[in-house]
C-alpha atoms as a PDB file:
ATOM      1  CA  MET A   1      -7.027  -3.923  62.586  1.00  0.00           C
ATOM      2  CA  THR A   2      -5.465  -4.961  59.326  1.00  0.00           C
ATOM      3  CA  GLY A   3      -7.349  -7.752  57.599  1.00  0.00           C
ATOM      4  CA  TYR A   4      -5.879 -10.908  56.116  1.00  0.00           C
ATOM      5  CA  ARG A   5      -6.651  -9.854  52.554  1.00  0.00           C
ATOM      6  CA  SER A   6      -4.644  -6.646  52.794  1.00  0.00           C
ATOM      7  CA  LEU A   7      -1.703  -8.549  54.307  1.00  0.00           C
ATOM      8  CA  ALA A   8      -1.959 -11.266  51.651  1.00  0.00           C
ATOM      9  CA  ARG A   9      -1.554  -8.582  48.974  1.00  0.00           C
ATOM     10  CA  ASN A  10       1.615  -7.321  50.661  1.00  0.00           C
ATOM     11  CA  ARG A  11       4.441  -9.046  48.739  1.00  0.00           C
ATOM     12  CA  ASP A  12       7.028  -8.674  51.509  1.00  0.00           C
ATOM     13  CA  PHE A  13       4.686 -10.150  54.095  1.00  0.00           C
ATOM     14  CA  THR A  14       3.733 -13.093  51.856  1.00  0.00           C
ATOM     15  CA  ILE A  15       7.365 -13.961  51.123  1.00  0.00           C
ATOM     16  CA  ARG A  16       8.256 -13.683  54.795  1.00  0.00           C
ATOM     17  CA  TRP A  17       5.249 -15.749  55.825  1.00  0.00           C
ATOM     18  CA  ILE A  18       6.032 -18.619  53.437  1.00  0.00           C
ATOM     19  CA  GLY A  19       9.729 -18.544  54.345  1.00  0.00           C
ATOM     20  CA  GLU A  20       8.957 -18.477  58.048  1.00  0.00           C
ATOM     21  CA  THR A  21       6.591 -21.431  57.722  1.00  0.00           C
ATOM     22  CA  ILE A  22       9.313 -23.539  56.119  1.00  0.00           C
ATOM     23  CA  SER A  23      11.911 -22.324  58.627  1.00  0.00           C
ATOM     24  CA  GLU A  24       9.651 -22.978  61.609  1.00  0.00           C
ATOM     25  CA  LEU A  25       8.951 -26.508  60.408  1.00  0.00           C
ATOM     26  CA  GLY A  26      12.692 -27.204  60.168  1.00  0.00           C
ATOM     27  CA  SER A  27      13.472 -25.595  63.511  1.00  0.00           C
ATOM     28  CA  THR A  28      10.745 -27.524  65.292  1.00  0.00           C
ATOM     29  CA  MET A  29      11.979 -30.769  63.804  1.00  0.00           C
ATOM     30  CA  SER A  30      15.535 -29.982  64.892  1.00  0.00           C
ATOM     31  CA  VAL A  31      14.479 -29.317  68.485  1.00  0.00           C
ATOM     32  CA  PHE A  32      12.912 -32.769  68.417  1.00  0.00           C
ATOM     33  CA  ALA A  33      15.955 -34.297  66.710  1.00  0.00           C
ATOM     34  CA  PHE A  34      18.723 -32.869  68.966  1.00  0.00           C
ATOM     35  CA  PRO A  35      17.868 -35.071  71.954  1.00  0.00           C
ATOM     36  CA  LEU A  36      17.342 -38.120  69.743  1.00  0.00           C
ATOM     37  CA  LEU A  37      20.711 -37.648  68.064  1.00  0.00           C
ATOM     38  CA  ALA A  38      22.430 -37.071  71.385  1.00  0.00           C
ATOM     39  CA  TYR A  39      20.936 -40.248  72.815  1.00  0.00           C
ATOM     40  CA  SER A  40      21.798 -42.308  69.750  1.00  0.00           C
ATOM     41  CA  LEU A  41      25.416 -41.086  69.877  1.00  0.00           C
ATOM     42  CA  SER A  42      25.941 -41.505  73.614  1.00  0.00           C
ATOM     43  CA  GLY A  43      23.221 -43.666  75.113  1.00  0.00           C
ATOM     44  CA  SER A  44      23.198 -41.230  78.044  1.00  0.00           C
ATOM     45  CA  ALA A  45      20.184 -39.334  79.332  1.00  0.00           C
ATOM     46  CA  MET A  46      22.545 -36.662  80.696  1.00  0.00           C
ATOM     47  CA  VAL A  47      23.967 -35.919  77.245  1.00  0.00           C
ATOM     48  CA  THR A  48      20.449 -35.947  75.823  1.00  0.00           C
ATOM     49  CA  ALA A  49      19.410 -33.287  78.346  1.00  0.00           C
ATOM     50  CA  ALA A  50      22.599 -31.319  77.656  1.00  0.00           C
ATOM     51  CA  ALA A  51      21.728 -31.107  73.954  1.00  0.00           C
ATOM     52  CA  GLU A  52      18.324 -29.616  74.692  1.00  0.00           C
ATOM     53  CA  ALA A  53      19.771 -27.384  77.429  1.00  0.00           C
ATOM     54  CA  ALA A  54      22.411 -26.024  75.045  1.00  0.00           C
ATOM     55  CA  TYR A  55      19.692 -24.920  72.641  1.00  0.00           C
ATOM     56  CA  LEU A  56      17.629 -23.306  75.411  1.00  0.00           C
ATOM     57  CA  VAL A  57      20.647 -21.562  76.980  1.00  0.00           C
ATOM     58  CA  GLY A  58      21.533 -20.059  73.597  1.00  0.00           C
ATOM     59  CA  LEU A  59      17.944 -18.955  73.062  1.00  0.00           C
ATOM     60  CA  VAL A  60      17.576 -17.308  76.472  1.00  0.00           C
ATOM     61  CA  ALA A  61      21.028 -15.704  76.385  1.00  0.00           C
ATOM     62  CA  ALA A  62      20.367 -14.077  73.013  1.00  0.00           C
ATOM     63  CA  LEU A  63      16.859 -12.677  73.523  1.00  0.00           C
ATOM     64  CA  LEU A  64      17.679  -9.480  75.424  1.00  0.00           C
ATOM     65  CA  PRO A  65      20.715  -8.408  73.372  1.00  0.00           C
ATOM     66  CA  ALA A  66      18.804  -9.329  70.220  1.00  0.00           C
ATOM     67  CA  GLY A  67      16.022  -6.892  71.098  1.00  0.00           C
ATOM     68  CA  VAL A  68      18.559  -4.078  71.187  1.00  0.00           C
ATOM     69  CA  ALA A  69      20.232  -5.266  67.982  1.00  0.00           C
ATOM     70  CA  VAL A  70      16.900  -5.430  66.161  1.00  0.00           C
ATOM     71  CA  ASP A  71      16.186  -1.792  67.015  1.00  0.00           C
ATOM     72  CA  ARG A  72      19.596  -0.655  65.781  1.00  0.00           C
ATOM     73  CA  THR A  73      20.119  -2.722  62.636  1.00  0.00           C
ATOM     74  CA  ASN A  74      18.300  -3.675  59.482  1.00  0.00           C
ATOM     75  CA  ARG A  75      15.743  -6.349  60.463  1.00  0.00           C
ATOM     76  CA  ARG A  76      15.754  -7.984  57.060  1.00  0.00           C
ATOM     77  CA  THR A  77      19.530  -8.407  57.076  1.00  0.00           C
ATOM     78  CA  LEU A  78      19.424  -9.774  60.613  1.00  0.00           C
ATOM     79  CA  MET A  79      16.700 -12.274  59.729  1.00  0.00           C
ATOM     80  CA  LEU A  80      18.512 -13.416  56.593  1.00  0.00           C
ATOM     81  CA  ALA A  81      21.801 -13.794  58.494  1.00  0.00           C
ATOM     82  CA  THR A  82      20.257 -15.900  61.247  1.00  0.00           C
ATOM     83  CA  SER A  83      18.349 -18.066  58.771  1.00  0.00           C
ATOM     84  CA  GLY A  84      21.500 -18.507  56.686  1.00  0.00           C
ATOM     85  CA  SER A  85      23.530 -19.480  59.720  1.00  0.00           C
ATOM     86  CA  GLY A  86      20.856 -22.045  60.597  1.00  0.00           C
ATOM     87  CA  VAL A  87      21.145 -23.559  57.119  1.00  0.00           C
ATOM     88  CA  VAL A  88      24.925 -23.834  57.502  1.00  0.00           C
ATOM     89  CA  LEU A  89      24.702 -25.287  61.014  1.00  0.00           C
ATOM     90  CA  TYR A  90      22.016 -27.833  60.160  1.00  0.00           C
ATOM     91  CA  GLY A  91      23.880 -28.640  56.945  1.00  0.00           C
ATOM     92  CA  SER A  92      27.008 -29.395  58.955  1.00  0.00           C
ATOM     93  CA  LEU A  93      25.014 -31.898  61.014  1.00  0.00           C
ATOM     94  CA  ALA A  94      23.640 -33.510  57.859  1.00  0.00           C
ATOM     95  CA  VAL A  95      27.099 -33.836  56.310  1.00  0.00           C
ATOM     96  CA  THR A  96      28.772 -35.208  59.432  1.00  0.00           C
ATOM     97  CA  GLY A  97      25.868 -37.589  59.953  1.00  0.00           C
ATOM     98  CA  ALA A  98      26.057 -38.806  56.361  1.00  0.00           C
ATOM     99  CA  VAL A  99      29.780 -39.565  56.584  1.00  0.00           C
ATOM    100  CA  GLY A 100      29.488 -41.016  60.092  1.00  0.00           C
ATOM    101  CA  ALA A 101      31.658 -38.380  61.745  1.00  0.00           C
ATOM    102  CA  MET A 102      29.094 -36.683  64.013  1.00  0.00           C
ATOM    103  CA  THR A 103      30.304 -36.102  67.561  1.00  0.00           C
ATOM    104  CA  ILE A 104      28.632 -34.994  70.777  1.00  0.00           C
ATOM    105  CA  PRO A 105      30.663 -31.742  71.026  1.00  0.00           C
ATOM    106  CA  HIS A 106      29.686 -30.848  67.450  1.00  0.00           C
ATOM    107  CA  LEU A 107      26.026 -31.531  68.219  1.00  0.00           C
ATOM    108  CA  LEU A 108      26.181 -29.394  71.389  1.00  0.00           C
ATOM    109  CA  VAL A 109      27.838 -26.487  69.569  1.00  0.00           C
ATOM    110  CA  VAL A 110      25.221 -26.624  66.805  1.00  0.00           C
ATOM    111  CA  ALA A 111      22.449 -26.738  69.405  1.00  0.00           C
ATOM    112  CA  LEU A 112      23.899 -23.705  71.228  1.00  0.00           C
ATOM    113  CA  LEU A 113      24.410 -21.676  68.055  1.00  0.00           C
ATOM    114  CA  THR A 114      20.984 -22.484  66.635  1.00  0.00           C
ATOM    115  CA  GLY A 115      19.479 -21.459  69.965  1.00  0.00           C
ATOM    116  CA  ILE A 116      21.291 -18.138  69.687  1.00  0.00           C
ATOM    117  CA  GLY A 117      20.008 -17.795  66.123  1.00  0.00           C
ATOM    118  CA  ALA A 118      16.453 -18.464  67.265  1.00  0.00           C
ATOM    119  CA  GLY A 119      16.871 -15.898  70.037  1.00  0.00           C
ATOM    120  CA  VAL A 120      17.946 -13.277  67.518  1.00  0.00           C
ATOM    121  CA  PHE A 121      15.380 -14.214  64.886  1.00  0.00           C
ATOM    122  CA  GLY A 122      12.369 -14.011  67.223  1.00  0.00           C
ATOM    123  CA  PRO A 123      12.524 -10.285  68.039  1.00  0.00           C
ATOM    124  CA  ALA A 124      13.452  -9.454  64.436  1.00  0.00           C
ATOM    125  CA  GLN A 125      10.452 -11.416  63.188  1.00  0.00           C
ATOM    126  CA  THR A 126       8.082  -9.701  65.595  1.00  0.00           C
ATOM    127  CA  SER A 127       9.322  -6.267  64.534  1.00  0.00           C
ATOM    128  CA  ALA A 128       9.171  -7.175  60.854  1.00  0.00           C
ATOM    129  CA  ILE A 129       5.533  -8.240  61.123  1.00  0.00           C
ATOM    130  CA  ARG A 130       4.625  -4.994  62.852  1.00  0.00           C
ATOM    131  CA  SER A 131       6.351  -2.937  60.152  1.00  0.00           C
ATOM    132  CA  ALA A 132       4.679  -4.968  57.365  1.00  0.00           C
ATOM    133  CA  ARG A 133       1.199  -4.048  58.554  1.00  0.00           C
ATOM    134  CA  THR A 134      -0.422  -1.248  56.662  1.00  0.00           C
ATOM    135  CA  ARG A 135      -3.002   1.204  57.905  1.00  0.00           C
ATOM    136  CA  PRO A 136      -6.502   0.622  56.495  1.00  0.00           C
ATOM    137  CA  ALA A 137      -7.407   3.032  53.694  1.00  0.00           C
ATOM    138  CA  SER A 138     -10.383   4.475  55.589  1.00  0.00           C
ATOM    139  CA  THR A 139      -8.315   5.447  58.625  1.00  0.00           C
ATOM    140  CA  SER A 140      -6.878   8.928  58.622  1.00  0.00           C
ATOM    141  CA  ARG A 141      -4.229  10.328  60.937  1.00  0.00           C
ATOM    142  CA  ALA A 142      -6.790  12.329  62.862  1.00  0.00           C
ATOM    143  CA  SER A 143      -9.090   9.399  63.545  1.00  0.00           C
ATOM    144  CA  SER A 144      -6.233   7.077  64.546  1.00  0.00           C
ATOM    145  CA  ALA A 145      -4.774   9.765  66.791  1.00  0.00           C
ATOM    146  CA  GLY A 146      -8.130  10.134  68.518  1.00  0.00           C
ATOM    147  CA  ARG A 147      -8.226   6.394  69.155  1.00  0.00           C
ATOM    148  CA  SER A 148      -4.746   6.443  70.624  1.00  0.00           C
ATOM    149  CA  VAL A 149      -5.594   9.201  73.033  1.00  0.00           C
ATOM    150  CA  GLY A 150      -8.860   7.517  74.022  1.00  0.00           C
ATOM    151  CA  CYS A 151      -7.025   4.277  74.668  1.00  0.00           C
ATOM    152  CA  CYS A 152      -4.542   5.865  77.024  1.00  0.00           C
ATOM    153  CA  THR A 153      -6.753   8.182  79.041  1.00  0.00           C
ATOM    154  CA  PRO A 154      -7.315   7.005  82.599  1.00  0.00           C
ATOM    155  CA  SER A 155     -10.799   6.124  83.746  1.00  0.00           C
ATOM    156  CA  PRO A 156     -12.164   7.233  87.123  1.00  0.00           C
ATOM    157  CA  ALA A 157     -11.090   3.899  88.644  1.00  0.00           C
ATOM    158  CA  GLY A 158      -7.474   4.543  87.596  1.00  0.00           C
ATOM    159  CA  CYS A 159      -7.421   1.849  84.887  1.00  0.00           C
ATOM    160  CA  PRO A 160      -6.969   2.692  81.215  1.00  0.00           C
ATOM    161  CA  SER A 161     -10.273   3.078  79.443  1.00  0.00           C
ATOM    162  CA  PRO A 162     -11.109   0.933  76.419  1.00  0.00           C
ATOM    163  CA  PRO A 163     -10.422   2.393  72.970  1.00  0.00           C
ATOM    164  CA  THR A 164     -13.015   4.758  71.615  1.00  0.00           C
ATOM    165  CA  PRO A 165     -14.612   3.796  68.284  1.00  0.00           C
END
């Protein structure tokens, strides 16, 4: 298992980690803010639920196709595109809110599209973390191959056996 210190020395991982922390903070706040904005604009619990549902529908609808897209495209480009689209979408809410022109349809479209962005970003992030990990210096191909085989060999009970040291 790769230790924290070796990952902390990996420049790409550190940049991604800091960026993801900031992005996750903003995304979590927006999930909290969508229903509040919807309620303040409409005064309706139904519209409030629709705002949250739009985000979740976008998220769920994008997860499976995003997994395929992540395997076939550049993960970094995909992550940057989804983060950039989130900045534009959230920025449009900030601008329309500042000028007093925010509408329920605009809020619902932003919620849907940011849900889609989150559904695409999740699989790309998971794959990027896996590719950022480095093999420990003391592990050779032969010893890691032996561990893989030991992990996958069936035990007498038919269950996979634990990895061999």
